[in-house]
N, C-alpha and C. Protein backbone atom coordinates (compact mmCIF):
# COMPACT_ATOMS: atom_id res chain seq x y z
N UNK A 1 101.65 96.78 102.67
CA UNK A 1 101.56 98.27 102.69
C UNK A 1 100.94 98.92 101.14
N UNK A 2 100.52 100.07 101.87
CA UNK A 2 99.79 100.62 100.42
C UNK A 2 100.50 102.12 99.63
N UNK A 3 100.41 101.95 98.64
CA UNK A 3 101.43 103.24 97.94
C UNK A 3 100.24 104.38 98.14
N UNK A 4 101.00 105.48 97.52
CA UNK A 4 100.32 106.75 97.84
C UNK A 4 100.63 107.28 96.20
N UNK A 5 99.32 107.96 96.14
CA UNK A 5 99.48 108.86 94.85
C UNK A 5 98.72 110.24 95.03
N UNK A 6 99.90 111.36 95.05
CA UNK A 6 99.64 113.02 94.78
C UNK A 6 99.32 112.98 93.98
N UNK A 7 97.99 113.62 93.43
CA UNK A 7 97.40 114.16 92.20
C UNK A 7 97.76 116.03 91.93
N UNK A 8 98.27 116.77 91.16
CA UNK A 8 98.49 117.65 91.23
C UNK A 8 97.32 118.12 90.50
N UNK A 9 97.54 119.71 89.91
CA UNK A 9 96.51 120.80 89.90
C UNK A 9 96.09 120.10 88.78
N UNK A 10 97.11 119.82 87.63
CA UNK A 10 96.90 119.63 86.12
C UNK A 10 95.73 118.71 85.93
N UNK A 11 96.75 117.30 87.06
CA UNK A 11 95.79 116.46 86.39
C UNK A 11 94.00 116.11 86.71
N UNK A 12 93.64 116.52 88.12
CA UNK A 12 93.15 116.81 88.78
C UNK A 12 91.90 117.55 87.68
N UNK A 13 92.60 118.58 87.10
CA UNK A 13 91.80 119.38 85.83
C UNK A 13 91.45 118.86 84.74
N UNK A 14 92.47 118.36 84.01
CA UNK A 14 92.48 117.47 83.07
C UNK A 14 91.28 115.95 83.04
N UNK A 15 90.98 115.51 84.78
CA UNK A 15 90.60 114.41 85.14
C UNK A 15 88.64 115.71 85.39
N UNK A 16 88.88 116.33 85.88
CA UNK A 16 87.73 117.24 85.15
C UNK A 16 87.22 117.85 84.02
N UNK A 17 87.86 117.73 83.53
CA UNK A 17 87.74 118.61 82.05
C UNK A 17 87.26 117.08 81.25
N UNK A 18 88.05 116.20 81.77
CA UNK A 18 87.95 115.02 80.15
C UNK A 18 87.50 114.15 81.28
N UNK A 19 86.52 113.41 81.98
CA UNK A 19 86.47 112.21 82.68
C UNK A 19 86.92 110.79 82.01
N UNK A 20 86.38 111.03 81.36
CA UNK A 20 87.24 110.08 80.12
C UNK A 20 88.42 109.24 79.21
N UNK A 21 89.05 110.60 79.79
CA UNK A 21 90.96 110.98 79.30
C UNK A 21 91.74 110.25 79.51
N UNK A 22 92.39 110.31 78.88
CA UNK A 22 94.35 109.89 79.44
C UNK A 22 94.73 109.79 80.85
N UNK A 23 94.02 110.58 81.88
CA UNK A 23 94.59 110.73 82.97
C UNK A 23 93.81 109.65 83.87
N UNK A 24 92.12 110.05 83.50
CA UNK A 24 91.32 109.14 84.08
C UNK A 24 91.02 107.88 84.18
N UNK A 25 92.10 107.66 82.81
CA UNK A 25 92.14 105.81 82.50
C UNK A 25 93.29 104.78 82.92
N UNK A 26 94.61 106.08 83.33
CA UNK A 26 95.33 105.46 83.82
C UNK A 26 94.82 105.46 85.50
N UNK A 27 94.55 106.52 85.57
CA UNK A 27 94.06 106.25 87.13
C UNK A 27 93.07 105.14 87.68
N UNK A 28 91.95 104.90 87.14
CA UNK A 28 91.51 103.61 86.73
C UNK A 28 92.09 102.17 86.61
N UNK A 29 93.37 102.37 85.99
CA UNK A 29 93.73 101.51 85.30
C UNK A 29 95.21 100.44 86.66
N UNK A 30 95.49 102.29 87.31
CA UNK A 30 96.15 101.64 88.61
C UNK A 30 95.22 101.61 89.97
N UNK A 31 94.23 101.95 90.16
CA UNK A 31 93.13 101.32 90.65
C UNK A 31 93.06 99.86 90.57
N UNK A 32 93.15 98.81 88.97
CA UNK A 32 93.22 97.70 89.11
C UNK A 32 94.36 97.05 89.78
N UNK A 33 95.42 97.62 89.30
CA UNK A 33 96.80 97.01 89.37
C UNK A 33 96.60 97.17 90.86
N UNK A 34 96.11 98.19 91.71
CA UNK A 34 96.97 97.64 92.82
C UNK A 34 95.24 98.34 93.70
N UNK A 35 94.86 97.72 93.96
CA UNK A 35 94.15 98.30 94.36
C UNK A 35 93.80 98.93 96.27
N UNK A 36 94.93 98.59 96.58
CA UNK A 36 95.07 99.21 97.94
C UNK A 36 96.06 100.24 98.01
N UNK A 37 95.85 100.84 96.95
CA UNK A 37 95.89 102.29 96.92
C UNK A 37 95.50 103.53 97.50
N UNK A 38 96.02 104.25 97.92
CA UNK A 38 95.36 105.86 98.30
C UNK A 38 95.73 106.91 96.57
N UNK A 39 94.48 107.52 96.70
CA UNK A 39 93.93 108.52 95.71
C UNK A 39 94.31 109.86 96.36
N UNK A 40 95.45 110.76 96.34
CA UNK A 40 94.70 112.12 96.82
C UNK A 40 95.31 112.68 96.41
N UNK A 41 95.17 114.60 97.18
CA UNK A 41 95.24 115.57 96.97
C UNK A 41 95.99 116.33 97.61
N UNK A 42 96.49 117.24 97.31
CA UNK A 42 96.74 118.52 98.37
C UNK A 42 96.02 119.69 98.65
N UNK A 43 95.68 120.06 100.13
CA UNK A 43 94.72 121.06 100.21
C UNK A 43 94.87 122.25 99.43
N UNK A 44 96.61 122.85 98.96
CA UNK A 44 96.93 123.47 97.83
C UNK A 44 96.19 123.30 96.31
N UNK A 45 95.85 121.83 96.34
CA UNK A 45 95.55 121.70 95.08
C UNK A 45 93.95 122.31 95.11
N UNK A 46 93.27 121.66 95.78
CA UNK A 46 91.97 122.37 96.15
C UNK A 46 91.78 123.70 95.92
N UNK A 47 92.76 123.94 96.90
CA UNK A 47 92.82 125.57 96.76
C UNK A 47 92.89 126.55 95.62
N UNK A 48 93.67 126.10 94.33
CA UNK A 48 94.20 125.80 93.39
C UNK A 48 92.78 126.06 92.16
N UNK A 49 91.79 124.71 92.75
CA UNK A 49 91.02 124.45 91.76
C UNK A 49 89.46 125.31 91.92
N UNK A 50 89.95 125.77 93.62
CA UNK A 50 88.63 126.48 94.02
C UNK A 50 88.55 128.27 93.65
N UNK A 51 89.95 128.39 92.96
CA UNK A 51 89.95 129.56 92.73
C UNK A 51 90.31 129.78 91.50
N UNK A 52 90.20 128.48 90.63
CA UNK A 52 89.98 128.82 88.99
C UNK A 52 87.65 128.77 88.56
N UNK A 53 87.63 127.62 89.91
CA UNK A 53 86.27 127.78 89.86
C UNK A 53 85.03 128.81 90.08
N UNK A 54 86.30 130.10 90.91
CA UNK A 54 85.20 131.50 91.35
C UNK A 54 85.68 132.27 90.03
N UNK A 55 86.78 131.79 89.47
CA UNK A 55 87.61 132.95 88.44
C UNK A 55 86.70 132.58 87.19
N UNK A 56 85.91 131.40 87.02
CA UNK A 56 85.50 131.50 85.91
C UNK A 56 84.38 130.82 85.77
N UNK A 57 83.16 130.84 86.91
CA UNK A 57 82.00 130.14 87.08
C UNK A 57 81.96 128.88 85.98
N UNK A 58 81.52 127.86 86.09
CA UNK A 58 80.84 127.01 85.99
C UNK A 58 79.90 126.03 86.69
N UNK A 59 78.65 125.82 86.04
CA UNK A 59 77.93 124.38 86.83
C UNK A 59 78.84 123.65 86.28
N UNK A 60 78.78 123.52 84.86
CA UNK A 60 79.38 121.81 84.55
C UNK A 60 80.81 121.45 85.30
N UNK A 61 81.78 122.47 85.47
CA UNK A 61 82.63 122.33 86.00
C UNK A 61 82.76 122.32 87.45
N UNK A 62 81.61 123.05 88.08
CA UNK A 62 81.50 122.70 89.66
C UNK A 62 80.76 121.65 89.74
N UNK A 63 80.12 120.92 89.18
CA UNK A 63 79.41 119.59 89.04
C UNK A 63 81.00 118.68 89.11
N UNK A 64 81.58 118.67 88.07
CA UNK A 64 83.00 117.40 87.46
C UNK A 64 83.73 117.94 88.55
N UNK A 65 84.37 118.85 89.47
CA UNK A 65 84.73 119.43 90.70
C UNK A 65 84.12 118.49 91.89
N UNK A 66 83.32 118.33 92.08
CA UNK A 66 82.54 117.79 92.83
C UNK A 66 82.74 116.27 93.23
N UNK A 67 82.59 115.67 92.14
CA UNK A 67 82.59 114.27 91.51
C UNK A 67 84.28 113.91 92.19
N UNK A 68 84.40 114.99 91.14
CA UNK A 68 86.43 114.44 91.41
C UNK A 68 86.98 114.16 92.37
N UNK A 69 86.06 115.55 93.44
CA UNK A 69 86.88 115.38 94.75
C UNK A 69 86.52 114.24 95.58
N UNK A 70 85.05 113.97 95.23
CA UNK A 70 84.58 113.25 95.85
C UNK A 70 85.38 111.77 96.65
N UNK A 71 86.00 111.11 95.55
CA UNK A 71 87.07 110.52 95.49
C UNK A 71 88.54 110.37 95.66
N UNK A 72 88.38 111.92 96.18
CA UNK A 72 89.99 112.13 96.44
C UNK A 72 90.38 112.40 97.82
N UNK A 73 91.08 111.69 99.09
CA UNK A 73 91.14 112.19 100.07
C UNK A 73 91.85 113.92 99.90
N UNK A 74 91.81 114.56 100.86
CA UNK A 74 92.50 116.17 101.11
C UNK A 74 93.41 116.13 102.00
N UNK A 75 94.73 115.88 101.77
CA UNK A 75 95.95 116.08 102.72
C UNK A 75 96.55 117.22 103.27
N UNK A 76 95.93 117.64 103.76
CA UNK A 76 96.21 119.12 104.78
C UNK A 76 97.33 119.70 104.81
N UNK A 77 97.87 121.03 105.64
CA UNK A 77 99.07 120.78 105.42
C UNK A 77 99.59 120.29 107.33
N UNK A 78 100.41 120.06 107.66
CA UNK A 78 101.16 119.44 108.51
C UNK A 78 102.28 120.18 109.16
N UNK A 79 102.48 120.57 110.31
CA UNK A 79 103.85 121.30 110.61
C UNK A 79 104.55 120.40 110.05
N UNK A 80 104.77 118.94 109.62
CA UNK A 80 106.29 118.61 109.43
C UNK A 80 106.28 119.18 107.80
N UNK A 81 105.48 118.92 107.13
CA UNK A 81 105.72 119.75 106.08
C UNK A 81 106.74 121.17 106.00
N UNK A 82 106.60 122.31 106.88
CA UNK A 82 107.59 122.69 106.83
C UNK A 82 109.06 123.16 106.36
N UNK A 83 109.52 121.80 107.14
CA UNK A 83 111.54 121.59 107.53
C UNK A 83 111.54 121.30 106.37
N UNK A 84 110.80 120.04 105.20
CA UNK A 84 110.38 119.84 103.74
C UNK A 84 110.71 120.74 102.46
N UNK A 85 109.77 121.92 103.46
CA UNK A 85 109.64 122.52 102.26
C UNK A 85 110.68 123.42 102.61
N UNK A 86 111.18 123.89 103.01
CA UNK A 86 112.09 124.65 103.54
C UNK A 86 113.46 124.19 103.23
N UNK A 87 113.59 123.48 102.93
CA UNK A 87 115.19 122.16 102.50
C UNK A 87 115.10 121.89 101.39
N UNK A 88 113.94 122.16 100.53
CA UNK A 88 113.73 122.04 99.23
C UNK A 88 113.58 123.17 98.55
N UNK A 89 113.54 124.43 99.40
CA UNK A 89 113.40 125.91 99.03
C UNK A 89 114.83 125.95 98.92
N UNK A 90 115.71 125.95 99.56
CA UNK A 90 116.61 126.24 99.88
C UNK A 90 117.33 125.22 98.30
N UNK A 91 117.66 124.40 98.44
CA UNK A 91 117.94 123.75 97.68
C UNK A 91 118.10 124.12 96.37
N UNK A 92 116.73 124.39 95.83
CA UNK A 92 116.33 124.46 94.16
C UNK A 92 116.97 125.99 93.76
N UNK A 93 116.77 127.02 95.14
CA UNK A 93 116.96 128.27 95.27
C UNK A 93 118.30 128.22 94.75
N UNK A 94 118.83 127.91 95.40
CA UNK A 94 120.90 127.42 95.86
C UNK A 94 121.12 127.44 94.93
N UNK A 95 119.91 126.27 93.62
CA UNK A 95 121.29 125.62 92.14
C UNK A 95 120.18 126.24 91.72
N UNK A 96 119.82 127.60 91.54
CA UNK A 96 119.17 127.99 90.77
C UNK A 96 118.29 127.78 89.79
N UNK A 97 117.56 126.52 90.32
CA UNK A 97 115.85 125.95 89.65
C UNK A 97 115.00 126.35 90.55
N UNK A 98 114.23 127.70 90.73
CA UNK A 98 113.17 127.75 92.14
C UNK A 98 112.19 127.07 91.45
N UNK A 99 111.19 126.33 92.24
CA UNK A 99 109.86 126.39 92.14
C UNK A 99 108.80 127.63 92.81
N UNK A 100 107.54 127.54 92.48
CA UNK A 100 106.76 129.24 92.71
C UNK A 100 106.52 127.73 94.40
N UNK A 101 106.13 129.49 94.82
CA UNK A 101 105.46 128.73 96.11
C UNK A 101 104.57 127.72 96.13
N UNK A 102 103.40 127.48 95.47
CA UNK A 102 102.69 126.83 95.30
C UNK A 102 103.65 124.97 94.95
N UNK A 103 103.81 125.38 93.93
CA UNK A 103 104.19 123.54 93.30
C UNK A 103 105.30 123.54 95.03
N UNK A 104 106.23 123.89 94.99
CA UNK A 104 107.04 123.69 96.63
C UNK A 104 106.37 123.23 98.14
N UNK A 105 104.78 123.86 97.94
CA UNK A 105 104.32 123.05 98.84
C UNK A 105 103.93 121.53 98.38
N UNK A 106 103.29 121.76 97.81
CA UNK A 106 103.36 119.87 96.99
C UNK A 106 103.82 119.54 97.07
N UNK A 107 105.33 119.66 96.88
CA UNK A 107 106.07 119.14 96.28
C UNK A 107 107.15 118.55 98.23
N UNK A 108 106.50 119.51 98.56
CA UNK A 108 106.84 119.60 99.98
C UNK A 108 106.13 118.30 100.59
N UNK A 109 104.58 118.31 100.87
CA UNK A 109 103.59 117.07 101.31
C UNK A 109 103.36 116.02 100.41
N UNK A 110 104.52 115.40 99.78
CA UNK A 110 104.26 114.30 98.80
C UNK A 110 105.72 113.56 99.41
N UNK A 111 106.78 114.57 99.63
CA UNK A 111 107.91 113.74 100.54
C UNK A 111 107.76 113.24 101.06
N UNK A 112 107.02 114.67 102.53
CA UNK A 112 106.49 114.17 103.36
C UNK A 112 105.47 112.60 103.33
N UNK A 113 104.83 112.84 102.86
CA UNK A 113 103.82 111.58 102.90
C UNK A 113 104.19 110.12 102.10
N UNK A 114 105.37 110.26 101.35
CA UNK A 114 106.52 108.97 101.21
C UNK A 114 105.07 108.81 99.30
N UNK A 115 104.21 109.35 99.01
CA UNK A 115 103.72 109.50 97.96
C UNK A 115 104.61 110.20 96.91
N UNK A 116 103.82 109.67 95.49
CA UNK A 116 104.16 109.97 94.17
C UNK A 116 103.58 110.91 93.72
N UNK A 117 103.92 111.77 93.37
CA UNK A 117 103.52 112.86 92.77
C UNK A 117 103.06 112.65 91.55
N UNK A 118 101.86 112.89 91.12
CA UNK A 118 101.47 113.03 89.69
C UNK A 118 100.42 113.90 88.94
N UNK A 119 101.33 114.42 87.54
CA UNK A 119 101.87 115.70 87.39
C UNK A 119 102.26 115.65 85.93
N UNK A 120 101.59 116.66 84.84
CA UNK A 120 102.23 116.76 84.10
C UNK A 120 103.26 118.09 83.53
N UNK A 121 103.83 119.06 85.21
CA UNK A 121 104.93 119.92 85.04
C UNK A 121 105.59 118.78 85.27
N UNK A 122 106.62 118.74 84.42
CA UNK A 122 108.04 118.80 84.44
C UNK A 122 109.02 119.32 85.51
N UNK A 123 108.47 120.38 85.96
CA UNK A 123 109.14 121.52 86.63
C UNK A 123 109.56 120.51 87.90
N UNK A 124 108.57 119.45 88.42
CA UNK A 124 108.99 118.80 89.46
C UNK A 124 110.03 117.70 89.65
N UNK A 125 110.77 117.56 88.43
CA UNK A 125 111.72 116.94 88.11
C UNK A 125 112.53 117.52 88.61
N UNK A 126 112.68 119.03 89.29
CA UNK A 126 114.28 118.78 89.74
C UNK A 126 114.40 118.82 91.37
N UNK A 127 112.66 118.50 91.86
CA UNK A 127 113.28 118.38 93.37
C UNK A 127 113.48 116.74 93.19
N UNK A 128 114.74 117.08 94.10
CA UNK A 128 114.96 115.78 95.05
C UNK A 128 114.71 114.91 95.31
N UNK A 129 114.34 113.80 95.71
CA UNK A 129 113.77 112.73 96.52
C UNK A 129 112.60 113.29 95.95
N UNK A 130 111.96 113.40 95.25
CA UNK A 130 110.26 113.47 94.73
C UNK A 130 110.09 112.64 93.88
N UNK A 131 109.21 111.48 94.17
CA UNK A 131 108.81 110.27 92.95
C UNK A 131 107.86 110.89 92.38
N UNK A 132 107.78 110.82 91.12
CA UNK A 132 106.93 111.46 89.72
C UNK A 132 106.62 110.63 89.04
N UNK A 133 105.15 110.55 88.27
CA UNK A 133 104.89 110.19 87.40
C UNK A 133 103.61 110.82 86.45
N UNK A 134 104.01 111.21 85.81
CA UNK A 134 102.72 112.23 84.29
C UNK A 134 102.07 110.92 83.95
N UNK A 135 100.65 111.05 84.27
CA UNK A 135 99.97 110.28 83.91
C UNK A 135 98.94 110.67 82.31
N UNK A 136 99.57 112.14 81.84
CA UNK A 136 99.45 112.06 80.26
C UNK A 136 100.55 112.16 79.33
N UNK A 137 101.63 111.34 80.00
CA UNK A 137 102.35 111.23 78.66
C UNK A 137 101.99 109.94 77.68
């Protein structure tokens, strides 16, 4: 059975900016240790990255984006994400610790896919049932 790692925006962005940096080295280490893992990202992450490229166009970053995305499966939204999102949003808002809408969508996808979310955003630590790793720590 393979493990799935869903990379958040800050991790993919870090890998784009520094292909030999900490996140990239950690990804290579994980791939060596667990060759059957799936490295993926969310369509929400892809949208955030593309927005950044449109906001501040850079041929170098565009090439880095294309290179990084070539190696990642992009998980689309699914109707099964809706109930997970709704439950998470209600739980977090009820406890006074809400997340932004994009982060909620990413967390819901990771939970639905039984994936480990890889993010440097420790706000995700508040999400019940979410497996979380920080490859920049």
